[in-house]
Amino acid sequence: MRRKSLRYRPIHLFFRQGGGCLFILVFLSLVCWSCAPTNGGFSSDLVIGVVDPQRILQETVKGQQLTDKLNAFMKDRQALVELEQKELRNLEDALRAQMTILSQSARALKEDQFRKKMAAYQQKVADLNREVQERQRELQNEFRREVEEVVTQIASDRNLGLVLEHGTNSGTLFYQESWDISTDVIQVLNGMSDDSEVP
């Protein structure tokens, strides 16, 4: 008999995959400091920056804290599922051992009880998966807000008119390496983490 287990996408896959959960930063038109022409078009000297959200996640204290929190949350939920699995396994073993001595009506009753427990287990797995996804979104949104603030400040300081993300599934096919402000974002975020640890 096939048993379900709690399924979730590891945090490193989540940030690499597209789908319904784009993680950070498509910052279109953050602050345009170059002079806008009177016809409403973009200035030809528009300055562009790019950021790598996966690198920011991996190389910042806050990003690692997000990963650790989510992994701990998923581990707790996985433990709950494993307890349910153990109970179902014991019930199934007991039912199999009693098959030869139970009457047909008693066996049908036991099988019905087992089916109900299995349905309840499957519902719990689905609920826990939703809970994990909601927690994942909550943590990501919190981290994204902090990254957005830092990127906005750097864009303002450097007179950037546009900041895009690059990396897997970002849609950015080419960029000049000099446009990459990921290192600056990482340094600022890590500096903020250091400051928060000072009593």
N, C-alpha and C. Protein backbone atom coordinates (compact mmCIF):
# COMPACT_ATOMS: atom_id res chain seq x y z
N MET A 1 0.84 -1.18 0.00
CA MET A 1 0.00 0.00 0.00
C MET A 1 0.88 1.24 0.00
N ARG A 2 0.57 2.21 -0.89
CA ARG A 2 1.39 3.41 -0.99
C ARG A 2 0.98 4.41 0.08
N ARG A 3 1.94 4.99 0.71
CA ARG A 3 1.66 5.99 1.74
C ARG A 3 2.21 7.33 1.31
N LYS A 4 1.45 8.36 1.61
CA LYS A 4 1.91 9.70 1.27
C LYS A 4 2.83 10.21 2.36
N SER A 5 3.75 11.04 1.98
CA SER A 5 4.57 11.74 2.95
C SER A 5 4.50 13.22 2.63
N LEU A 6 4.82 14.01 3.63
CA LEU A 6 4.77 15.45 3.44
C LEU A 6 5.77 15.85 2.39
N ARG A 7 5.26 16.53 1.35
CA ARG A 7 6.15 16.94 0.27
C ARG A 7 6.28 18.45 0.28
N TYR A 8 7.48 18.91 0.15
CA TYR A 8 7.71 20.33 0.03
C TYR A 8 8.92 20.53 -0.84
N ARG A 9 9.01 21.72 -1.43
CA ARG A 9 10.16 22.02 -2.26
C ARG A 9 11.28 22.54 -1.37
N PRO A 10 12.46 21.92 -1.42
CA PRO A 10 13.57 22.47 -0.65
C PRO A 10 13.79 23.92 -1.00
N ILE A 11 14.27 24.68 -0.01
CA ILE A 11 14.39 26.11 -0.20
C ILE A 11 15.26 26.47 -1.38
N HIS A 12 16.34 25.69 -1.64
CA HIS A 12 17.21 26.05 -2.75
C HIS A 12 16.54 25.83 -4.09
N LEU A 13 15.61 24.87 -4.16
CA LEU A 13 14.88 24.65 -5.41
C LEU A 13 13.84 25.74 -5.62
N PHE A 14 13.25 26.18 -4.51
CA PHE A 14 12.20 27.17 -4.63
C PHE A 14 12.74 28.41 -5.33
N PHE A 15 13.96 28.81 -4.98
CA PHE A 15 14.49 30.04 -5.54
C PHE A 15 14.99 29.84 -6.96
N ARG A 16 15.21 28.59 -7.37
CA ARG A 16 15.65 28.35 -8.73
C ARG A 16 14.49 28.15 -9.67
N GLN A 17 13.35 27.69 -9.18
CA GLN A 17 12.23 27.37 -10.05
C GLN A 17 11.36 28.58 -10.29
N GLY A 18 10.67 28.58 -11.43
CA GLY A 18 9.74 29.65 -11.74
C GLY A 18 8.40 29.31 -11.14
N GLY A 19 7.35 29.31 -11.95
CA GLY A 19 6.04 28.92 -11.48
C GLY A 19 5.36 30.07 -10.77
N GLY A 20 4.44 29.69 -9.87
CA GLY A 20 3.60 30.69 -9.24
C GLY A 20 4.28 31.44 -8.12
N CYS A 21 5.54 31.16 -7.83
CA CYS A 21 6.17 31.77 -6.67
C CYS A 21 7.47 32.46 -7.04
N LEU A 22 7.48 33.50 -7.88
CA LEU A 22 8.70 34.25 -8.15
C LEU A 22 9.16 34.87 -6.85
N PHE A 23 10.44 34.76 -6.61
CA PHE A 23 10.88 35.18 -5.28
C PHE A 23 11.10 36.66 -5.18
N ILE A 24 12.26 37.17 -5.64
CA ILE A 24 12.54 38.55 -5.33
C ILE A 24 12.68 39.38 -6.60
N LEU A 25 12.46 40.60 -6.43
CA LEU A 25 13.05 41.66 -7.21
C LEU A 25 12.84 41.65 -8.70
N VAL A 26 11.74 42.03 -9.18
CA VAL A 26 11.81 42.57 -10.53
C VAL A 26 11.46 44.04 -10.30
N PHE A 27 12.48 44.84 -10.18
CA PHE A 27 12.28 46.25 -9.83
C PHE A 27 12.23 47.08 -11.11
N LEU A 28 11.03 47.27 -11.61
CA LEU A 28 10.90 48.07 -12.81
C LEU A 28 10.70 49.52 -12.40
N SER A 29 11.50 50.38 -12.98
CA SER A 29 11.38 51.82 -12.77
C SER A 29 11.44 52.20 -11.31
N LEU A 30 12.56 51.86 -10.66
CA LEU A 30 12.70 52.22 -9.24
C LEU A 30 12.72 53.74 -9.07
N VAL A 31 13.81 54.35 -9.49
CA VAL A 31 13.88 55.81 -9.41
C VAL A 31 14.61 56.28 -10.66
N CYS A 32 14.01 57.08 -11.44
CA CYS A 32 14.66 57.55 -12.67
C CYS A 32 15.22 58.94 -12.41
N TRP A 33 16.55 59.01 -12.24
CA TRP A 33 17.21 60.27 -11.90
C TRP A 33 17.66 61.02 -13.15
N SER A 34 17.70 60.33 -14.29
CA SER A 34 18.08 61.04 -15.50
C SER A 34 16.92 61.90 -15.96
N CYS A 35 17.21 62.90 -16.70
CA CYS A 35 16.17 63.84 -17.11
C CYS A 35 15.22 63.18 -18.09
N ALA A 36 13.94 63.29 -17.83
CA ALA A 36 12.94 62.72 -18.73
C ALA A 36 12.69 63.68 -19.87
N PRO A 37 12.70 63.16 -21.09
CA PRO A 37 12.42 64.02 -22.23
C PRO A 37 10.96 64.45 -22.25
N THR A 38 10.68 65.54 -22.95
CA THR A 38 9.32 66.09 -22.93
C THR A 38 8.31 65.21 -23.62
N ASN A 39 8.77 64.26 -24.48
CA ASN A 39 7.81 63.40 -25.17
C ASN A 39 7.39 62.19 -24.34
N GLY A 40 7.86 62.09 -23.08
CA GLY A 40 7.43 61.01 -22.20
C GLY A 40 8.21 59.74 -22.39
N GLY A 41 9.18 59.69 -23.30
CA GLY A 41 9.98 58.47 -23.49
C GLY A 41 11.10 58.41 -22.47
N PHE A 42 11.91 57.33 -22.54
CA PHE A 42 13.03 57.19 -21.62
C PHE A 42 14.24 57.95 -22.15
N SER A 43 15.02 58.44 -21.23
CA SER A 43 16.27 59.08 -21.61
C SER A 43 17.23 58.05 -22.16
N SER A 44 18.05 58.47 -23.12
CA SER A 44 18.99 57.53 -23.73
C SER A 44 20.13 57.16 -22.79
N ASP A 45 20.32 57.94 -21.69
CA ASP A 45 21.40 57.63 -20.76
C ASP A 45 20.88 56.91 -19.51
N LEU A 46 19.80 56.15 -19.68
CA LEU A 46 19.26 55.37 -18.57
C LEU A 46 20.32 54.41 -18.04
N VAL A 47 20.53 54.42 -16.73
CA VAL A 47 21.54 53.56 -16.10
C VAL A 47 20.83 52.37 -15.47
N ILE A 48 21.34 51.17 -15.76
CA ILE A 48 20.68 49.93 -15.34
C ILE A 48 21.55 49.19 -14.33
N GLY A 49 20.91 48.57 -13.37
CA GLY A 49 21.58 47.67 -12.43
C GLY A 49 20.91 46.32 -12.46
N VAL A 50 21.63 45.29 -12.05
CA VAL A 50 21.05 43.95 -11.95
C VAL A 50 21.43 43.34 -10.61
N VAL A 51 20.60 42.44 -10.12
CA VAL A 51 20.88 41.73 -8.87
C VAL A 51 20.61 40.24 -9.07
N ASP A 52 21.32 39.44 -8.32
CA ASP A 52 21.14 37.99 -8.34
C ASP A 52 20.48 37.57 -7.03
N PRO A 53 19.15 37.32 -7.01
CA PRO A 53 18.46 37.01 -5.76
C PRO A 53 18.95 35.73 -5.09
N GLN A 54 19.35 34.74 -5.89
CA GLN A 54 19.83 33.49 -5.31
C GLN A 54 21.12 33.72 -4.55
N ARG A 55 21.99 34.52 -5.13
CA ARG A 55 23.26 34.82 -4.45
C ARG A 55 23.02 35.63 -3.18
N ILE A 56 22.09 36.57 -3.24
CA ILE A 56 21.77 37.38 -2.06
C ILE A 56 21.22 36.49 -0.95
N LEU A 57 20.39 35.54 -1.32
CA LEU A 57 19.85 34.60 -0.33
C LEU A 57 20.96 33.79 0.32
N GLN A 58 21.87 33.28 -0.48
CA GLN A 58 22.90 32.37 0.01
C GLN A 58 24.02 33.06 0.77
N GLU A 59 24.30 34.33 0.45
CA GLU A 59 25.49 34.98 0.99
C GLU A 59 25.18 36.05 2.04
N THR A 60 23.95 36.11 2.49
CA THR A 60 23.61 37.06 3.55
C THR A 60 23.19 36.32 4.81
N VAL A 61 23.45 36.96 5.94
CA VAL A 61 23.02 36.39 7.22
C VAL A 61 21.51 36.26 7.25
N LYS A 62 20.82 37.28 6.78
CA LYS A 62 19.36 37.26 6.79
C LYS A 62 18.82 36.16 5.88
N GLY A 63 19.48 35.95 4.75
CA GLY A 63 19.05 34.88 3.85
C GLY A 63 19.23 33.51 4.48
N GLN A 64 20.34 33.31 5.16
CA GLN A 64 20.57 32.04 5.83
C GLN A 64 19.60 31.84 6.99
N GLN A 65 19.28 32.93 7.68
CA GLN A 65 18.29 32.82 8.76
C GLN A 65 16.93 32.41 8.20
N LEU A 66 16.57 32.96 7.06
CA LEU A 66 15.31 32.57 6.40
C LEU A 66 15.33 31.07 6.09
N THR A 67 16.43 30.62 5.50
CA THR A 67 16.55 29.21 5.14
C THR A 67 16.45 28.32 6.37
N ASP A 68 17.14 28.71 7.44
CA ASP A 68 17.14 27.91 8.67
C ASP A 68 15.75 27.86 9.30
N LYS A 69 15.07 29.01 9.31
CA LYS A 69 13.71 29.04 9.89
C LYS A 69 12.77 28.14 9.12
N LEU A 70 12.85 28.21 7.80
CA LEU A 70 11.95 27.41 6.98
C LEU A 70 12.27 25.92 7.12
N ASN A 71 13.54 25.58 7.14
CA ASN A 71 13.92 24.17 7.30
C ASN A 71 13.45 23.62 8.64
N ALA A 72 13.60 24.42 9.71
CA ALA A 72 13.14 23.98 11.03
C ALA A 72 11.62 23.80 11.04
N PHE A 73 10.91 24.72 10.40
CA PHE A 73 9.45 24.64 10.33
C PHE A 73 9.03 23.37 9.60
N MET A 74 9.68 23.09 8.47
CA MET A 74 9.33 21.90 7.69
C MET A 74 9.70 20.62 8.45
N LYS A 75 10.79 20.65 9.19
CA LYS A 75 11.20 19.48 9.96
C LYS A 75 10.15 19.13 11.02
N ASP A 76 9.61 20.16 11.68
CA ASP A 76 8.56 19.93 12.68
C ASP A 76 7.32 19.31 12.04
N ARG A 77 6.95 19.82 10.88
CA ARG A 77 5.76 19.29 10.21
C ARG A 77 6.00 17.87 9.71
N GLN A 78 7.22 17.60 9.27
CA GLN A 78 7.55 16.25 8.81
C GLN A 78 7.46 15.25 9.97
N ALA A 79 7.86 15.69 11.17
CA ALA A 79 7.77 14.81 12.34
C ALA A 79 6.32 14.44 12.63
N LEU A 80 5.40 15.39 12.47
CA LEU A 80 3.99 15.10 12.69
C LEU A 80 3.48 14.07 11.69
N VAL A 81 3.90 14.21 10.45
CA VAL A 81 3.47 13.27 9.41
C VAL A 81 4.02 11.87 9.70
N GLU A 82 5.25 11.81 10.15
CA GLU A 82 5.85 10.50 10.42
C GLU A 82 5.14 9.78 11.56
N LEU A 83 4.65 10.53 12.55
CA LEU A 83 3.86 9.92 13.63
C LEU A 83 2.58 9.31 13.08
N GLU A 84 1.92 10.05 12.20
CA GLU A 84 0.69 9.55 11.58
C GLU A 84 0.99 8.31 10.73
N GLN A 85 2.10 8.33 10.02
CA GLN A 85 2.48 7.19 9.20
C GLN A 85 2.69 5.95 10.06
N LYS A 86 3.36 6.14 11.19
CA LYS A 86 3.62 5.01 12.10
C LYS A 86 2.32 4.41 12.61
N GLU A 87 1.38 5.27 12.97
CA GLU A 87 0.08 4.79 13.48
C GLU A 87 -0.66 4.01 12.39
N LEU A 88 -0.63 4.52 11.17
CA LEU A 88 -1.29 3.83 10.07
C LEU A 88 -0.63 2.49 9.78
N ARG A 89 0.68 2.46 9.85
CA ARG A 89 1.42 1.22 9.59
C ARG A 89 1.06 0.16 10.63
N ASN A 90 0.99 0.56 11.90
CA ASN A 90 0.64 -0.38 12.96
C ASN A 90 -0.79 -0.89 12.78
N LEU A 91 -1.67 0.00 12.39
CA LEU A 91 -3.06 -0.39 12.17
C LEU A 91 -3.18 -1.37 11.01
N GLU A 92 -2.42 -1.10 9.97
CA GLU A 92 -2.44 -1.98 8.80
C GLU A 92 -1.88 -3.36 9.15
N ASP A 93 -0.79 -3.39 9.92
CA ASP A 93 -0.20 -4.67 10.32
C ASP A 93 -1.17 -5.48 11.18
N ALA A 94 -1.84 -4.78 12.11
CA ALA A 94 -2.80 -5.46 12.99
C ALA A 94 -3.97 -6.02 12.17
N LEU A 95 -4.42 -5.26 11.21
CA LEU A 95 -5.52 -5.70 10.36
C LEU A 95 -5.12 -6.92 9.54
N ARG A 96 -3.91 -6.90 9.01
CA ARG A 96 -3.44 -8.03 8.21
C ARG A 96 -3.31 -9.30 9.08
N ALA A 97 -2.84 -9.13 10.32
CA ALA A 97 -2.67 -10.28 11.21
C ALA A 97 -4.00 -10.90 11.62
N GLN A 98 -5.06 -10.09 11.66
CA GLN A 98 -6.36 -10.58 12.11
C GLN A 98 -7.27 -11.05 10.98
N MET A 99 -6.81 -10.93 9.76
CA MET A 99 -7.65 -11.24 8.61
C MET A 99 -8.24 -12.66 8.67
N THR A 100 -7.43 -13.61 9.09
CA THR A 100 -7.87 -15.01 9.05
C THR A 100 -8.83 -15.36 10.18
N ILE A 101 -8.84 -14.55 11.25
CA ILE A 101 -9.69 -14.91 12.40
C ILE A 101 -10.93 -14.02 12.50
N LEU A 102 -10.98 -12.96 11.73
CA LEU A 102 -12.14 -12.07 11.79
C LEU A 102 -13.27 -12.59 10.90
N SER A 103 -14.47 -12.33 11.35
CA SER A 103 -15.62 -12.63 10.49
C SER A 103 -15.66 -11.61 9.36
N GLN A 104 -16.44 -11.91 8.37
CA GLN A 104 -16.51 -11.01 7.22
C GLN A 104 -17.00 -9.62 7.63
N SER A 105 -18.00 -9.56 8.50
CA SER A 105 -18.53 -8.27 8.93
C SER A 105 -17.51 -7.50 9.76
N ALA A 106 -16.80 -8.24 10.65
CA ALA A 106 -15.78 -7.59 11.48
C ALA A 106 -14.63 -7.08 10.62
N ARG A 107 -14.25 -7.88 9.62
CA ARG A 107 -13.17 -7.47 8.73
C ARG A 107 -13.58 -6.23 7.93
N ALA A 108 -14.83 -6.19 7.47
CA ALA A 108 -15.31 -5.04 6.71
C ALA A 108 -15.30 -3.78 7.58
N LEU A 109 -15.66 -3.95 8.87
CA LEU A 109 -15.65 -2.82 9.79
C LEU A 109 -14.24 -2.29 10.00
N LYS A 110 -13.28 -3.21 10.21
CA LYS A 110 -11.87 -2.81 10.39
C LYS A 110 -11.32 -2.12 9.15
N GLU A 111 -11.66 -2.64 7.99
CA GLU A 111 -11.18 -2.04 6.75
C GLU A 111 -11.76 -0.64 6.57
N ASP A 112 -13.02 -0.47 6.95
CA ASP A 112 -13.64 0.84 6.86
C ASP A 112 -12.97 1.83 7.80
N GLN A 113 -12.64 1.37 9.01
CA GLN A 113 -11.94 2.24 9.95
C GLN A 113 -10.57 2.64 9.41
N PHE A 114 -9.91 1.69 8.79
CA PHE A 114 -8.59 1.98 8.23
C PHE A 114 -8.69 3.00 7.09
N ARG A 115 -9.70 2.85 6.23
CA ARG A 115 -9.87 3.79 5.13
C ARG A 115 -10.13 5.21 5.64
N LYS A 116 -10.93 5.31 6.71
CA LYS A 116 -11.21 6.62 7.29
C LYS A 116 -9.95 7.25 7.87
N LYS A 117 -9.13 6.42 8.52
CA LYS A 117 -7.87 6.94 9.08
C LYS A 117 -6.93 7.38 7.96
N MET A 118 -6.91 6.61 6.88
CA MET A 118 -6.05 6.97 5.75
C MET A 118 -6.51 8.30 5.13
N ALA A 119 -7.83 8.47 5.01
CA ALA A 119 -8.36 9.72 4.45
C ALA A 119 -8.01 10.90 5.35
N ALA A 120 -8.10 10.70 6.67
CA ALA A 120 -7.75 11.76 7.62
C ALA A 120 -6.27 12.10 7.51
N TYR A 121 -5.45 11.07 7.34
CA TYR A 121 -4.01 11.27 7.18
C TYR A 121 -3.70 12.07 5.92
N GLN A 122 -4.35 11.70 4.82
CA GLN A 122 -4.12 12.41 3.56
C GLN A 122 -4.54 13.88 3.67
N GLN A 123 -5.62 14.13 4.39
CA GLN A 123 -6.06 15.51 4.58
C GLN A 123 -5.06 16.28 5.42
N LYS A 124 -4.50 15.62 6.44
CA LYS A 124 -3.51 16.28 7.29
C LYS A 124 -2.26 16.62 6.48
N VAL A 125 -1.84 15.71 5.62
CA VAL A 125 -0.67 15.98 4.78
C VAL A 125 -0.93 17.20 3.90
N ALA A 126 -2.11 17.27 3.30
CA ALA A 126 -2.46 18.41 2.45
C ALA A 126 -2.47 19.71 3.25
N ASP A 127 -3.03 19.65 4.47
CA ASP A 127 -3.08 20.85 5.33
C ASP A 127 -1.68 21.30 5.71
N LEU A 128 -0.82 20.35 6.05
CA LEU A 128 0.55 20.70 6.45
C LEU A 128 1.33 21.25 5.27
N ASN A 129 1.09 20.72 4.09
CA ASN A 129 1.76 21.26 2.90
C ASN A 129 1.36 22.72 2.67
N ARG A 130 0.07 23.01 2.83
CA ARG A 130 -0.39 24.39 2.68
C ARG A 130 0.24 25.29 3.74
N GLU A 131 0.33 24.76 4.96
CA GLU A 131 0.92 25.53 6.06
C GLU A 131 2.39 25.86 5.76
N VAL A 132 3.11 24.88 5.24
CA VAL A 132 4.51 25.10 4.88
C VAL A 132 4.63 26.15 3.78
N GLN A 133 3.77 26.06 2.77
CA GLN A 133 3.82 27.02 1.67
C GLN A 133 3.50 28.44 2.15
N GLU A 134 2.52 28.55 3.06
CA GLU A 134 2.18 29.87 3.60
C GLU A 134 3.34 30.45 4.41
N ARG A 135 3.98 29.60 5.21
CA ARG A 135 5.13 30.06 5.99
C ARG A 135 6.28 30.46 5.08
N GLN A 136 6.47 29.71 4.01
CA GLN A 136 7.49 30.01 3.03
C GLN A 136 7.25 31.39 2.41
N ARG A 137 6.02 31.64 1.99
CA ARG A 137 5.68 32.94 1.41
C ARG A 137 5.88 34.07 2.41
N GLU A 138 5.48 33.83 3.65
CA GLU A 138 5.61 34.85 4.69
C GLU A 138 7.08 35.24 4.90
N LEU A 139 7.95 34.25 5.02
CA LEU A 139 9.38 34.51 5.22
C LEU A 139 9.99 35.18 3.99
N GLN A 140 9.60 34.72 2.81
CA GLN A 140 10.14 35.31 1.58
C GLN A 140 9.73 36.77 1.44
N ASN A 141 8.47 37.07 1.74
CA ASN A 141 8.00 38.45 1.63
C ASN A 141 8.73 39.37 2.60
N GLU A 142 8.97 38.86 3.80
CA GLU A 142 9.71 39.64 4.79
C GLU A 142 11.13 39.94 4.30
N PHE A 143 11.79 38.92 3.76
CA PHE A 143 13.15 39.09 3.24
C PHE A 143 13.15 40.00 2.01
N ARG A 144 12.17 39.84 1.15
CA ARG A 144 12.09 40.64 -0.07
C ARG A 144 11.95 42.12 0.26
N ARG A 145 11.14 42.43 1.28
CA ARG A 145 10.96 43.84 1.66
C ARG A 145 12.30 44.46 2.08
N GLU A 146 13.08 43.70 2.85
CA GLU A 146 14.38 44.22 3.28
C GLU A 146 15.31 44.40 2.09
N VAL A 147 15.31 43.44 1.17
CA VAL A 147 16.17 43.54 0.00
C VAL A 147 15.73 44.72 -0.87
N GLU A 148 14.44 44.91 -1.03
CA GLU A 148 13.92 46.01 -1.84
C GLU A 148 14.38 47.36 -1.29
N GLU A 149 14.35 47.50 0.03
CA GLU A 149 14.77 48.76 0.65
C GLU A 149 16.25 49.05 0.34
N VAL A 150 17.07 48.01 0.46
CA VAL A 150 18.50 48.18 0.20
C VAL A 150 18.74 48.50 -1.27
N VAL A 151 18.09 47.76 -2.17
CA VAL A 151 18.26 47.99 -3.61
C VAL A 151 17.79 49.39 -3.98
N THR A 152 16.67 49.84 -3.42
CA THR A 152 16.17 51.18 -3.71
C THR A 152 17.17 52.24 -3.29
N GLN A 153 17.79 52.05 -2.11
CA GLN A 153 18.77 53.02 -1.64
C GLN A 153 20.01 53.05 -2.54
N ILE A 154 20.50 51.86 -2.91
CA ILE A 154 21.66 51.79 -3.79
C ILE A 154 21.34 52.39 -5.15
N ALA A 155 20.15 52.10 -5.67
CA ALA A 155 19.74 52.66 -6.95
C ALA A 155 19.69 54.19 -6.89
N SER A 156 19.20 54.71 -5.78
CA SER A 156 19.15 56.16 -5.60
C SER A 156 20.55 56.76 -5.54
N ASP A 157 21.42 56.12 -4.76
CA ASP A 157 22.80 56.62 -4.61
C ASP A 157 23.56 56.61 -5.94
N ARG A 158 23.26 55.65 -6.79
CA ARG A 158 24.00 55.49 -8.05
C ARG A 158 23.25 56.06 -9.26
N ASN A 159 22.12 56.68 -9.00
CA ASN A 159 21.31 57.23 -10.08
C ASN A 159 20.88 56.16 -11.09
N LEU A 160 20.51 54.99 -10.59
CA LEU A 160 20.03 53.93 -11.47
C LEU A 160 18.56 54.17 -11.79
N GLY A 161 18.23 54.01 -13.04
CA GLY A 161 16.83 54.18 -13.44
C GLY A 161 16.07 52.88 -13.49
N LEU A 162 16.79 51.76 -13.48
CA LEU A 162 16.15 50.45 -13.62
C LEU A 162 17.04 49.39 -12.98
N VAL A 163 16.45 48.50 -12.18
CA VAL A 163 17.17 47.38 -11.59
C VAL A 163 16.41 46.10 -11.91
N LEU A 164 17.08 45.14 -12.53
CA LEU A 164 16.47 43.87 -12.92
C LEU A 164 17.15 42.73 -12.18
N GLU A 165 16.46 41.61 -12.07
CA GLU A 165 17.10 40.43 -11.51
C GLU A 165 17.70 39.59 -12.63
N HIS A 166 18.73 38.85 -12.29
CA HIS A 166 19.29 37.89 -13.24
C HIS A 166 19.52 36.57 -12.52
N GLY A 167 19.73 35.53 -13.27
CA GLY A 167 19.86 34.19 -12.71
C GLY A 167 18.89 33.25 -13.40
N THR A 168 18.80 32.04 -12.87
CA THR A 168 17.93 31.04 -13.48
C THR A 168 16.49 31.52 -13.54
N ASN A 169 15.88 31.38 -14.71
CA ASN A 169 14.48 31.74 -14.93
C ASN A 169 14.18 33.22 -14.75
N SER A 170 15.19 34.07 -14.77
CA SER A 170 14.94 35.49 -14.57
C SER A 170 14.47 36.18 -15.84
N GLY A 171 14.81 35.62 -17.00
CA GLY A 171 14.47 36.27 -18.26
C GLY A 171 15.54 37.22 -18.76
N THR A 172 16.55 37.50 -17.93
CA THR A 172 17.65 38.37 -18.35
C THR A 172 18.69 37.53 -19.08
N LEU A 173 18.83 37.78 -20.39
CA LEU A 173 19.72 36.96 -21.20
C LEU A 173 21.15 37.47 -21.22
N PHE A 174 21.32 38.77 -21.05
CA PHE A 174 22.67 39.34 -21.08
C PHE A 174 22.70 40.61 -20.25
N TYR A 175 23.83 40.85 -19.62
CA TYR A 175 24.05 42.11 -18.91
C TYR A 175 25.55 42.32 -18.75
N GLN A 176 25.95 43.57 -18.64
CA GLN A 176 27.34 43.88 -18.36
C GLN A 176 27.62 43.57 -16.90
N GLU A 177 28.74 42.92 -16.62
CA GLU A 177 29.06 42.57 -15.24
C GLU A 177 29.16 43.80 -14.34
N SER A 178 29.53 44.91 -14.92
CA SER A 178 29.66 46.13 -14.13
C SER A 178 28.30 46.63 -13.62
N TRP A 179 27.21 46.13 -14.21
CA TRP A 179 25.88 46.52 -13.76
C TRP A 179 25.44 45.78 -12.49
N ASP A 180 26.14 44.70 -12.17
CA ASP A 180 25.71 43.84 -11.06
C ASP A 180 25.99 44.51 -9.72
N ILE A 181 24.93 44.77 -8.97
CA ILE A 181 25.07 45.41 -7.66
C ILE A 181 24.82 44.42 -6.52
N SER A 182 24.85 43.12 -6.84
CA SER A 182 24.56 42.10 -5.82
C SER A 182 25.53 42.17 -4.65
N THR A 183 26.81 42.37 -4.93
CA THR A 183 27.82 42.42 -3.87
C THR A 183 27.52 43.56 -2.90
N ASP A 184 27.13 44.72 -3.45
CA ASP A 184 26.80 45.87 -2.59
C ASP A 184 25.57 45.59 -1.74
N VAL A 185 24.57 44.93 -2.34
CA VAL A 185 23.36 44.59 -1.58
C VAL A 185 23.71 43.63 -0.44
N ILE A 186 24.55 42.65 -0.74
CA ILE A 186 24.95 41.67 0.28
C ILE A 186 25.70 42.36 1.42
N GLN A 187 26.61 43.26 1.08
CA GLN A 187 27.40 43.95 2.10
C GLN A 187 26.51 44.80 3.00
N VAL A 188 25.56 45.50 2.41
CA VAL A 188 24.67 46.34 3.21
C VAL A 188 23.79 45.48 4.12
N LEU A 189 23.22 44.41 3.57
CA LEU A 189 22.37 43.55 4.38
C LEU A 189 23.16 42.90 5.52
N ASN A 190 24.37 42.47 5.24
CA ASN A 190 25.19 41.86 6.30
C ASN A 190 25.61 42.91 7.33
N GLY A 191 25.83 44.15 6.89
CA GLY A 191 26.12 45.22 7.82
C GLY A 191 24.95 45.50 8.74
N MET A 192 23.74 45.44 8.19
CA MET A 192 22.53 45.62 8.98
C MET A 192 22.41 44.50 10.03
N SER A 193 22.79 43.29 9.63
CA SER A 193 22.74 42.15 10.56
C SER A 193 23.73 42.34 11.70
N ASP A 194 24.93 42.84 11.36
CA ASP A 194 25.94 43.09 12.39
C ASP A 194 25.47 44.15 13.37
N ASP A 195 24.84 45.21 12.83
CA ASP A 195 24.36 46.28 13.69
C ASP A 195 23.27 45.81 14.65
N SER A 196 22.42 44.91 14.15
CA SER A 196 21.30 44.42 14.97
C SER A 196 21.77 43.55 16.11
N GLU A 197 23.00 43.02 16.00
CA GLU A 197 23.53 42.16 17.06
C GLU A 197 24.21 42.95 18.16
N VAL A 198 24.45 44.26 17.92
CA VAL A 198 25.10 45.09 18.93
C VAL A 198 24.08 45.45 20.00
N PRO A 199 24.40 45.18 21.30
CA PRO A 199 23.44 45.50 22.36
C PRO A 199 23.20 46.98 22.51
